[in-house]
Amino acid sequence: MASRFPLFADNHVQQAIVDGLIQRGWDVVRAIDLFPEGTGDDVLFEHAVKDRRVMVTNDGGIRNTGRRWHDEGRAFPGLVYWPQKYYRNARPGYFIGVIEAMAEEENPFVNPIRFITRPK
């Protein structure tokens, strides 16, 4: 069985992806359920870190927050990012499959920032 990690999805992640992950047994918390829309990227990222969850996002600002933390040597559980434009070429199952494949890796967050590549 996969070694699933808890996730924190921001409001840019399609609901179908969140629902699909939950249906497959993933522990997913949505930012929109805890914070009002428009909450700053730093606040969301810090919450994910405090709650020991991997941040899942399509938001470039949150990606930049993760990069800044990494550059500063600050530890965090992980960040999974892909641009919103990828939604045009892929169904939710593509992103779910990539995240599930990460869980099969021995140490998926050796590099704490993971980029999902463009679907083919």
C-alpha atoms as a PDB file:
ATOM      1  CA  MET A   1       0.000   0.000   0.000  1.00  0.00           C
ATOM      2  CA  ALA A   2       1.123   3.527  -0.734  1.00  0.00           C
ATOM      3  CA  SER A   3       2.582   5.701   1.993  1.00  0.00           C
ATOM      4  CA  ARG A   4       0.103   8.529   1.679  1.00  0.00           C
ATOM      5  CA  PHE A   5       0.944  11.907   3.115  1.00  0.00           C
ATOM      6  CA  PRO A   6      -1.683  14.381   4.399  1.00  0.00           C
ATOM      7  CA  LEU A   7      -2.526  17.133   1.911  1.00  0.00           C
ATOM      8  CA  PHE A   8      -3.599  20.762   2.138  1.00  0.00           C
ATOM      9  CA  ALA A   9      -5.241  21.917  -1.106  1.00  0.00           C
ATOM     10  CA  ASP A  10      -5.632  25.580  -1.901  1.00  0.00           C
ATOM     11  CA  ASN A  11      -8.724  26.957  -3.616  1.00  0.00           C
ATOM     12  CA  HIS A  12      -7.111  26.790  -7.063  1.00  0.00           C
ATOM     13  CA  VAL A  13      -7.075  22.981  -7.088  1.00  0.00           C
ATOM     14  CA  GLN A  14     -10.131  21.647  -8.921  1.00  0.00           C
ATOM     15  CA  GLN A  15     -12.735  20.139  -6.632  1.00  0.00           C
ATOM     16  CA  ALA A  16     -12.828  16.984  -8.773  1.00  0.00           C
ATOM     17  CA  ILE A  17      -9.181  16.357  -7.870  1.00  0.00           C
ATOM     18  CA  VAL A  18      -9.839  16.896  -4.163  1.00  0.00           C
ATOM     19  CA  ASP A  19     -12.902  14.623  -4.322  1.00  0.00           C
ATOM     20  CA  GLY A  20     -10.990  11.949  -6.223  1.00  0.00           C
ATOM     21  CA  LEU A  21      -8.154  11.924  -3.714  1.00  0.00           C
ATOM     22  CA  ILE A  22     -10.579  11.687  -0.794  1.00  0.00           C
ATOM     23  CA  GLN A  23     -12.459   8.833  -2.505  1.00  0.00           C
ATOM     24  CA  ARG A  24      -9.133   6.989  -2.790  1.00  0.00           C
ATOM     25  CA  GLY A  25      -8.486   7.351   0.942  1.00  0.00           C
ATOM     26  CA  TRP A  26      -6.296  10.444   1.024  1.00  0.00           C
ATOM     27  CA  ASP A  27      -6.461  12.839   3.976  1.00  0.00           C
ATOM     28  CA  VAL A  28      -7.160  16.181   2.283  1.00  0.00           C
ATOM     29  CA  VAL A  29      -8.000  19.495   3.932  1.00  0.00           C
ATOM     30  CA  ARG A  30      -9.145  22.355   1.713  1.00  0.00           C
ATOM     31  CA  ALA A  31      -7.951  25.870   2.477  1.00  0.00           C
ATOM     32  CA  ILE A  32     -11.385  27.271   1.632  1.00  0.00           C
ATOM     33  CA  ASP A  33     -12.878  25.256   4.517  1.00  0.00           C
ATOM     34  CA  LEU A  34     -10.582  26.965   7.028  1.00  0.00           C
ATOM     35  CA  PHE A  35      -9.828  30.412   5.643  1.00  0.00           C
ATOM     36  CA  PRO A  36     -11.813  33.084   3.809  1.00  0.00           C
ATOM     37  CA  GLU A  37     -11.154  33.574   0.123  1.00  0.00           C
ATOM     38  CA  GLY A  38      -8.332  36.031  -0.415  1.00  0.00           C
ATOM     39  CA  THR A  39      -6.273  34.799   2.551  1.00  0.00           C
ATOM     40  CA  GLY A  40      -2.597  35.462   1.891  1.00  0.00           C
ATOM     41  CA  ASP A  41      -0.331  32.815   0.431  1.00  0.00           C
ATOM     42  CA  ASP A  42       2.064  32.971   3.375  1.00  0.00           C
ATOM     43  CA  VAL A  43      -0.782  32.296   5.833  1.00  0.00           C
ATOM     44  CA  LEU A  44      -1.957  29.259   3.862  1.00  0.00           C
ATOM     45  CA  PHE A  45       1.554  27.872   3.460  1.00  0.00           C
ATOM     46  CA  GLU A  46       2.371  28.369   7.138  1.00  0.00           C
ATOM     47  CA  HIS A  47      -0.846  26.586   8.107  1.00  0.00           C
ATOM     48  CA  ALA A  48       0.048  23.606   5.919  1.00  0.00           C
ATOM     49  CA  VAL A  49       3.495  23.456   7.527  1.00  0.00           C
ATOM     50  CA  LYS A  50       2.101  23.775  11.058  1.00  0.00           C
ATOM     51  CA  ASP A  51      -0.433  21.008  10.329  1.00  0.00           C
ATOM     52  CA  ARG A  52       2.340  18.863   8.748  1.00  0.00           C
ATOM     53  CA  ARG A  53       0.560  18.653   5.405  1.00  0.00           C
ATOM     54  CA  VAL A  54       1.949  18.722   1.896  1.00  0.00           C
ATOM     55  CA  MET A  55       0.674  21.829   0.106  1.00  0.00           C
ATOM     56  CA  VAL A  56      -1.054  21.133  -3.222  1.00  0.00           C
ATOM     57  CA  THR A  57      -1.528  24.192  -5.395  1.00  0.00           C
ATOM     58  CA  ASN A  58      -1.829  25.810  -8.795  1.00  0.00           C
ATOM     59  CA  ASP A  59      -1.062  29.234  -7.324  1.00  0.00           C
ATOM     60  CA  GLY A  60       2.251  30.735  -8.412  1.00  0.00           C
ATOM     61  CA  GLY A  61       2.343  32.863  -5.266  1.00  0.00           C
ATOM     62  CA  ILE A  62       2.258  29.819  -3.016  1.00  0.00           C
ATOM     63  CA  ARG A  63       4.872  28.152  -5.216  1.00  0.00           C
ATOM     64  CA  ASN A  64       7.051  31.230  -4.687  1.00  0.00           C
ATOM     65  CA  THR A  65       6.488  31.028  -0.923  1.00  0.00           C
ATOM     66  CA  GLY A  66       7.714  27.426  -1.001  1.00  0.00           C
ATOM     67  CA  ARG A  67      10.767  28.436  -3.016  1.00  0.00           C
ATOM     68  CA  ARG A  68      11.540  31.218  -0.555  1.00  0.00           C
ATOM     69  CA  TRP A  69      11.270  28.831   2.402  1.00  0.00           C
ATOM     70  CA  HIS A  70      13.524  26.351   0.600  1.00  0.00           C
ATOM     71  CA  ASP A  71      16.090  29.039  -0.226  1.00  0.00           C
ATOM     72  CA  GLU A  72      16.048  30.162   3.423  1.00  0.00           C
ATOM     73  CA  GLY A  73      16.624  26.580   4.610  1.00  0.00           C
ATOM     74  CA  ARG A  74      13.259  26.411   6.357  1.00  0.00           C
ATOM     75  CA  ALA A  75      11.824  22.911   6.555  1.00  0.00           C
ATOM     76  CA  PHE A  76       8.349  22.016   5.310  1.00  0.00           C
ATOM     77  CA  PRO A  77       6.631  18.705   4.499  1.00  0.00           C
ATOM     78  CA  GLY A  78       6.379  19.346   0.779  1.00  0.00           C
ATOM     79  CA  LEU A  79       4.775  21.301  -2.024  1.00  0.00           C
ATOM     80  CA  VAL A  80       3.148  19.866  -5.146  1.00  0.00           C
ATOM     81  CA  TYR A  81       2.565  22.404  -7.921  1.00  0.00           C
ATOM     82  CA  TRP A  82       1.309  22.503 -11.491  1.00  0.00           C
ATOM     83  CA  PRO A  83       0.135  25.477 -13.565  1.00  0.00           C
ATOM     84  CA  GLN A  84      -3.607  25.937 -14.005  1.00  0.00           C
ATOM     85  CA  LYS A  85      -3.172  25.879 -17.789  1.00  0.00           C
ATOM     86  CA  TYR A  86      -2.495  22.122 -17.523  1.00  0.00           C
ATOM     87  CA  TYR A  87      -6.201  21.613 -16.813  1.00  0.00           C
ATOM     88  CA  ARG A  88      -6.877  22.212 -20.518  1.00  0.00           C
ATOM     89  CA  ASN A  89      -4.972  19.051 -21.469  1.00  0.00           C
ATOM     90  CA  ALA A  90      -5.706  16.656 -18.613  1.00  0.00           C
ATOM     91  CA  ARG A  91      -8.527  15.171 -16.628  1.00  0.00           C
ATOM     92  CA  PRO A  92      -8.498  15.140 -12.821  1.00  0.00           C
ATOM     93  CA  GLY A  93      -7.385  11.497 -12.862  1.00  0.00           C
ATOM     94  CA  TYR A  94      -4.052  12.524 -14.368  1.00  0.00           C
ATOM     95  CA  PHE A  95      -3.158  14.698 -11.378  1.00  0.00           C
ATOM     96  CA  ILE A  96      -4.509  12.146  -8.895  1.00  0.00           C
ATOM     97  CA  GLY A  97      -2.393   9.452 -10.541  1.00  0.00           C
ATOM     98  CA  VAL A  98       0.760  11.548 -10.355  1.00  0.00           C
ATOM     99  CA  ILE A  99       0.195  12.283  -6.654  1.00  0.00           C
ATOM    100  CA  GLU A 100      -0.477   8.601  -5.976  1.00  0.00           C
ATOM    101  CA  ALA A 101       2.735   7.698  -7.824  1.00  0.00           C
ATOM    102  CA  MET A 102       4.646  10.109  -5.574  1.00  0.00           C
ATOM    103  CA  ALA A 103       3.322   8.225  -2.558  1.00  0.00           C
ATOM    104  CA  GLU A 104       4.875   5.035  -3.942  1.00  0.00           C
ATOM    105  CA  GLU A 105       8.347   6.601  -3.948  1.00  0.00           C
ATOM    106  CA  GLU A 106      10.685   5.825  -1.080  1.00  0.00           C
ATOM    107  CA  ASN A 107      11.165   9.498  -0.206  1.00  0.00           C
ATOM    108  CA  PRO A 108       8.994  11.686  -2.439  1.00  0.00           C
ATOM    109  CA  PHE A 109      10.058  14.971  -0.857  1.00  0.00           C
ATOM    110  CA  VAL A 110      13.852  14.718  -0.800  1.00  0.00           C
ATOM    111  CA  ASN A 111      13.419  17.881  -2.837  1.00  0.00           C
ATOM    112  CA  PRO A 112      10.461  19.418  -0.999  1.00  0.00           C
ATOM    113  CA  ILE A 113       9.052  21.108  -4.108  1.00  0.00           C
ATOM    114  CA  ARG A 114       7.567  18.756  -6.713  1.00  0.00           C
ATOM    115  CA  PHE A 115       6.342  19.986 -10.070  1.00  0.00           C
ATOM    116  CA  ILE A 116       3.757  17.974 -11.937  1.00  0.00           C
ATOM    117  CA  THR A 117       4.793  18.002 -15.572  1.00  0.00           C
ATOM    118  CA  ARG A 118       2.621  18.847 -18.529  1.00  0.00           C
ATOM    119  CA  PRO A 119       0.350  15.970 -19.536  1.00  0.00           C
ATOM    120  CA  LYS A 120       1.250  14.417 -22.861  1.00  0.00           C
END
